[in-house]
C-alpha atoms as a PDB file:
ATOM      1  CA  MET A   1       0.000   0.000   0.000  1.00  0.00           C
ATOM      2  CA  THR A   2       2.864   2.411   0.534  1.00  0.00           C
ATOM      3  CA  THR A   3       3.963   2.232  -3.095  1.00  0.00           C
ATOM      4  CA  PRO A   4       0.742   3.751  -4.567  1.00  0.00           C
ATOM      5  CA  TYR A   5       0.789   6.554  -1.958  1.00  0.00           C
ATOM      6  CA  ALA A   6       4.450   7.353  -2.650  1.00  0.00           C
ATOM      7  CA  PHE A   7       3.792   7.314  -6.385  1.00  0.00           C
ATOM      8  CA  THR A   8       0.814   9.659  -6.024  1.00  0.00           C
ATOM      9  CA  HIS A   9       2.684  11.909  -3.583  1.00  0.00           C
ATOM     10  CA  TRP A  10       5.635  12.346  -5.952  1.00  0.00           C
ATOM     11  CA  ARG A  11       3.288  12.896  -8.861  1.00  0.00           C
ATOM     12  CA  ILE A  12       1.347  15.690  -7.111  1.00  0.00           C
ATOM     13  CA  LEU A  13       4.367  17.402  -5.561  1.00  0.00           C
ATOM     14  CA  PRO A  14       5.779  18.752  -8.882  1.00  0.00           C
ATOM     15  CA  LEU A  15       2.303  19.996  -9.807  1.00  0.00           C
ATOM     16  CA  CYS A  16       2.054  21.840  -6.480  1.00  0.00           C
ATOM     17  CA  TRP A  17       5.489  23.408  -6.975  1.00  0.00           C
ATOM     18  CA  ALA A  18       4.535  24.483 -10.505  1.00  0.00           C
ATOM     19  CA  LEU A  19       1.315  26.115  -9.267  1.00  0.00           C
ATOM     20  CA  LEU A  20       3.186  27.867  -6.458  1.00  0.00           C
ATOM     21  CA  LEU A  21       5.801  29.135  -8.909  1.00  0.00           C
ATOM     22  CA  LEU A  22       3.111  30.438 -11.281  1.00  0.00           C
ATOM     23  CA  ALA A  23       1.391  32.241  -8.399  1.00  0.00           C
ATOM     24  CA  LEU A  24       4.671  33.847  -7.347  1.00  0.00           C
ATOM     25  CA  LEU A  25       5.567  34.864 -10.878  1.00  0.00           C
ATOM     26  CA  SER A  26       2.176  36.407 -11.546  1.00  0.00           C
ATOM     27  CA  GLY A  27       2.506  38.378  -8.311  1.00  0.00           C
ATOM     28  CA  CYS A  28       5.987  39.551  -9.343  1.00  0.00           C
ATOM     29  CA  ALA A  29       4.710  40.602 -12.740  1.00  0.00           C
ATOM     30  CA  SER A  30       2.129  42.885 -11.187  1.00  0.00           C
ATOM     31  CA  ARG A  31       4.649  44.482  -8.840  1.00  0.00           C
ATOM     32  CA  ASP A  32       7.161  44.842 -11.677  1.00  0.00           C
ATOM     33  CA  ILE A  33       4.767  46.953 -13.742  1.00  0.00           C
ATOM     34  CA  ALA A  34       4.015  49.190 -10.763  1.00  0.00           C
ATOM     35  CA  THR A  35       7.730  49.468 -10.023  1.00  0.00           C
ATOM     36  CA  ARG A  36       8.499  50.628 -13.568  1.00  0.00           C
ATOM     37  CA  ASP A  37       5.718  53.208 -13.440  1.00  0.00           C
ATOM     38  CA  ALA A  38       6.975  54.770 -10.213  1.00  0.00           C
ATOM     39  CA  PRO A  39      10.546  55.543 -11.409  1.00  0.00           C
ATOM     40  CA  VAL A  40       9.269  56.819 -14.769  1.00  0.00           C
ATOM     41  CA  ALA A  41       6.876  59.235 -13.071  1.00  0.00           C
ATOM     42  CA  ALA A  42       9.506  60.288 -10.540  1.00  0.00           C
ATOM     43  CA  THR A  43      12.151  61.104 -13.162  1.00  0.00           C
ATOM     44  CA  GLY A  44       9.778  62.625 -15.695  1.00  0.00           C
ATOM     45  CA  LEU A  45      10.660  60.152 -18.462  1.00  0.00           C
ATOM     46  CA  SER A  46       8.145  60.798 -21.235  1.00  0.00           C
ATOM     47  CA  ILE A  47       6.698  58.117 -23.487  1.00  0.00           C
ATOM     48  CA  GLU A  48       8.788  59.567 -26.333  1.00  0.00           C
ATOM     49  CA  ARG A  49      12.001  59.190 -24.332  1.00  0.00           C
ATOM     50  CA  ALA A  50      11.032  55.641 -23.375  1.00  0.00           C
ATOM     51  CA  MET A  51      10.441  54.834 -27.062  1.00  0.00           C
ATOM     52  CA  ILE A  52      13.751  56.425 -28.088  1.00  0.00           C
ATOM     53  CA  LEU A  53      15.644  54.374 -25.513  1.00  0.00           C
ATOM     54  CA  ALA A  54      13.795  51.166 -26.383  1.00  0.00           C
ATOM     55  CA  ASN A  55      14.586  51.571 -30.079  1.00  0.00           C
ATOM     56  CA  ALA A  56      18.227  52.435 -29.381  1.00  0.00           C
ATOM     57  CA  GLN A  57      18.548  49.379 -27.134  1.00  0.00           C
ATOM     58  CA  GLN A  58      16.965  47.157 -29.793  1.00  0.00           C
ATOM     59  CA  ALA A  59      19.615  48.417 -32.211  1.00  0.00           C
ATOM     60  CA  LEU A  60      22.452  47.071 -30.039  1.00  0.00           C
ATOM     61  CA  GLY A  61      24.496  44.692 -32.177  1.00  0.00           C
ATOM     62  CA  THR A  62      23.413  46.270 -35.482  1.00  0.00           C
ATOM     63  CA  PRO A  63      26.411  46.604 -37.822  1.00  0.00           C
ATOM     64  CA  TYR A  64      27.825  50.026 -38.634  1.00  0.00           C
ATOM     65  CA  ARG A  65      27.094  51.268 -42.125  1.00  0.00           C
ATOM     66  CA  PHE A  66      28.032  54.761 -43.283  1.00  0.00           C
ATOM     67  CA  GLY A  67      24.833  56.637 -44.131  1.00  0.00           C
ATOM     68  CA  GLY A  68      22.678  53.852 -42.676  1.00  0.00           C
ATOM     69  CA  ASN A  69      19.521  54.608 -40.729  1.00  0.00           C
ATOM     70  CA  THR A  70      17.772  51.201 -40.648  1.00  0.00           C
ATOM     71  CA  ARG A  71      18.226  47.903 -38.784  1.00  0.00           C
ATOM     72  CA  GLU A  72      20.267  46.709 -41.765  1.00  0.00           C
ATOM     73  CA  GLY A  73      23.053  49.091 -40.758  1.00  0.00           C
ATOM     74  CA  LEU A  74      23.495  52.355 -38.874  1.00  0.00           C
ATOM     75  CA  ASP A  75      25.923  55.188 -38.561  1.00  0.00           C
ATOM     76  CA  CYS A  76      25.889  57.388 -35.446  1.00  0.00           C
ATOM     77  CA  SER A  77      23.455  60.021 -36.694  1.00  0.00           C
ATOM     78  CA  GLY A  78      21.379  57.339 -38.441  1.00  0.00           C
ATOM     79  CA  LEU A  79      20.907  55.581 -35.085  1.00  0.00           C
ATOM     80  CA  VAL A  80      19.638  58.862 -33.649  1.00  0.00           C
ATOM     81  CA  GLU A  81      17.388  59.527 -36.642  1.00  0.00           C
ATOM     82  CA  MET A  82      15.920  55.994 -36.524  1.00  0.00           C
ATOM     83  CA  ALA A  83      15.293  55.998 -32.745  1.00  0.00           C
ATOM     84  CA  TYR A  84      13.719  59.453 -32.793  1.00  0.00           C
ATOM     85  CA  ARG A  85      11.629  58.686 -35.905  1.00  0.00           C
ATOM     86  CA  ALA A  86      10.149  55.669 -34.075  1.00  0.00           C
ATOM     87  CA  ALA A  87       9.067  58.076 -31.314  1.00  0.00           C
ATOM     88  CA  GLY A  88       7.500  60.448 -33.861  1.00  0.00           C
ATOM     89  CA  ILE A  89      10.235  63.091 -33.636  1.00  0.00           C
ATOM     90  CA  ARG A  90      12.051  64.352 -36.724  1.00  0.00           C
ATOM     91  CA  VAL A  91      15.701  65.312 -36.356  1.00  0.00           C
ATOM     92  CA  PRO A  92      18.303  66.450 -38.904  1.00  0.00           C
ATOM     93  CA  ARG A  93      20.269  63.641 -40.542  1.00  0.00           C
ATOM     94  CA  THR A  94      23.924  64.458 -39.734  1.00  0.00           C
ATOM     95  CA  ALA A  95      25.614  64.750 -36.351  1.00  0.00           C
ATOM     96  CA  ASP A  96      26.724  68.337 -36.999  1.00  0.00           C
ATOM     97  CA  ASP A  97      23.261  69.430 -38.190  1.00  0.00           C
ATOM     98  CA  GLN A  98      21.722  67.776 -35.130  1.00  0.00           C
ATOM     99  CA  PHE A  99      24.236  69.602 -32.916  1.00  0.00           C
ATOM    100  CA  ARG A 100      23.565  72.989 -34.524  1.00  0.00           C
ATOM    101  CA  GLN A 101      19.785  72.768 -34.958  1.00  0.00           C
ATOM    102  CA  LEU A 102      18.437  70.940 -31.900  1.00  0.00           C
ATOM    103  CA  PRO A 103      17.785  72.630 -28.526  1.00  0.00           C
ATOM    104  CA  GLN A 104      20.831  72.405 -26.282  1.00  0.00           C
ATOM    105  CA  VAL A 105      20.566  71.322 -22.649  1.00  0.00           C
ATOM    106  CA  ASP A 106      22.928  71.793 -19.722  1.00  0.00           C
ATOM    107  CA  GLU A 107      22.376  68.340 -18.248  1.00  0.00           C
ATOM    108  CA  ALA A 108      21.647  65.233 -20.317  1.00  0.00           C
ATOM    109  CA  ARG A 109      18.664  63.110 -19.363  1.00  0.00           C
ATOM    110  CA  PRO A 110      18.005  59.616 -20.722  1.00  0.00           C
ATOM    111  CA  GLY A 111      17.074  59.950 -24.393  1.00  0.00           C
ATOM    112  CA  ASP A 112      19.055  63.156 -24.922  1.00  0.00           C
ATOM    113  CA  LEU A 113      21.818  63.403 -27.491  1.00  0.00           C
ATOM    114  CA  LEU A 114      25.515  63.730 -26.689  1.00  0.00           C
ATOM    115  CA  PHE A 115      27.810  65.334 -29.269  1.00  0.00           C
ATOM    116  CA  PHE A 116      31.528  64.864 -29.746  1.00  0.00           C
ATOM    117  CA  GLY A 117      34.108  66.346 -32.071  1.00  0.00           C
ATOM    118  CA  SER A 118      36.900  68.858 -32.325  1.00  0.00           C
ATOM    119  CA  GLY A 119      36.573  72.608 -32.360  1.00  0.00           C
ATOM    120  CA  ARG A 120      32.894  73.400 -32.849  1.00  0.00           C
ATOM    121  CA  LYS A 121      32.098  70.681 -35.427  1.00  0.00           C
ATOM    122  CA  ALA A 122      30.222  67.615 -34.207  1.00  0.00           C
ATOM    123  CA  THR A 123      31.616  64.497 -35.834  1.00  0.00           C
ATOM    124  CA  HIS A 124      29.902  61.964 -33.585  1.00  0.00           C
ATOM    125  CA  VAL A 125      26.629  61.625 -31.671  1.00  0.00           C
ATOM    126  CA  GLY A 126      25.212  59.120 -29.201  1.00  0.00           C
ATOM    127  CA  ILE A 127      22.039  58.672 -27.179  1.00  0.00           C
ATOM    128  CA  TYR A 128      22.368  59.092 -23.436  1.00  0.00           C
ATOM    129  CA  GLN A 129      21.037  55.934 -21.801  1.00  0.00           C
ATOM    130  CA  GLY A 130      21.338  56.991 -18.163  1.00  0.00           C
ATOM    131  CA  ASP A 131      23.766  55.797 -15.481  1.00  0.00           C
ATOM    132  CA  ARG A 132      26.643  57.479 -17.345  1.00  0.00           C
ATOM    133  CA  GLN A 133      26.149  55.159 -20.374  1.00  0.00           C
ATOM    134  CA  MET A 134      25.705  56.055 -24.036  1.00  0.00           C
ATOM    135  CA  ILE A 135      24.391  54.003 -26.960  1.00  0.00           C
ATOM    136  CA  HIS A 136      26.181  54.784 -30.212  1.00  0.00           C
ATOM    137  CA  ALA A 137      27.351  53.407 -33.547  1.00  0.00           C
ATOM    138  CA  PRO A 138      31.146  53.623 -33.151  1.00  0.00           C
ATOM    139  CA  GLY A 139      32.395  53.200 -36.692  1.00  0.00           C
ATOM    140  CA  ARG A 140      33.375  50.977 -39.570  1.00  0.00           C
ATOM    141  CA  GLY A 141      33.709  47.283 -38.787  1.00  0.00           C
ATOM    142  CA  ARG A 142      31.918  47.637 -35.443  1.00  0.00           C
ATOM    143  CA  GLU A 143      28.375  47.350 -34.093  1.00  0.00           C
ATOM    144  CA  VAL A 144      26.026  49.576 -32.108  1.00  0.00           C
ATOM    145  CA  VAL A 145      27.093  49.357 -28.457  1.00  0.00           C
ATOM    146  CA  SER A 146      26.544  50.872 -25.040  1.00  0.00           C
ATOM    147  CA  VAL A 147      29.649  52.438 -23.506  1.00  0.00           C
ATOM    148  CA  PRO A 148      30.554  54.292 -20.305  1.00  0.00           C
ATOM    149  CA  LEU A 149      31.088  58.032 -20.577  1.00  0.00           C
ATOM    150  CA  ASP A 150      33.634  58.273 -17.781  1.00  0.00           C
ATOM    151  CA  ILE A 151      36.698  57.740 -19.944  1.00  0.00           C
ATOM    152  CA  ASP A 152      39.104  60.385 -21.195  1.00  0.00           C
ATOM    153  CA  TYR A 153      38.294  59.770 -24.871  1.00  0.00           C
ATOM    154  CA  TRP A 154      34.703  60.996 -24.472  1.00  0.00           C
ATOM    155  CA  GLN A 155      35.507  63.682 -21.908  1.00  0.00           C
ATOM    156  CA  ASN A 156      38.142  65.257 -24.176  1.00  0.00           C
ATOM    157  CA  ARG A 157      35.836  65.374 -27.238  1.00  0.00           C
ATOM    158  CA  PHE A 158      32.524  66.357 -25.627  1.00  0.00           C
ATOM    159  CA  LEU A 159      30.870  69.374 -27.278  1.00  0.00           C
ATOM    160  CA  GLY A 160      27.448  69.436 -25.659  1.00  0.00           C
ATOM    161  CA  ALA A 161      24.045  67.827 -25.303  1.00  0.00           C
ATOM    162  CA  ALA A 162      20.672  68.364 -26.957  1.00  0.00           C
ATOM    163  CA  GLY A 163      17.206  67.469 -25.766  1.00  0.00           C
ATOM    164  CA  PRO A 164      14.660  67.447 -28.582  1.00  0.00           C
ATOM    165  CA  ALA A 165      12.342  64.952 -26.850  1.00  0.00           C
ATOM    166  CA  PRO A 166       9.659  66.126 -24.409  1.00  0.00           C
END
């Protein structure tokens, strides 16, 4: 008689664990959504900025292509143009035109643009991701990546930031 009980017990136990796990995960999912909403509201991250960042993050790993502004290949200003277009915001096509024509900001917020170059000409642009990280298309033979800003290379070439997104 102990064999049927043991068989039934071991058969039901995994089902119980699975149901418990599903209950926990569904509870976590609800809290996760509320948790995301709270930081967004607290920092003032607009839906446009969220869309810009989501599209830039989806582009990670996309190969660099001079003049590219699609998922097939991107250059730095093409990444910006593509991410902003997805959020319904039109921006100029080149890094220098973006630098000269978009509203400058003193402090970059997530979704803002960071410009780099020499003198007063912007030769490179990236999208500020937050936490001192930038998403950009670095150049020929490379892919779209996220990089830290706290290195001399970026500090020495920084020209300014622009915030065209609400």
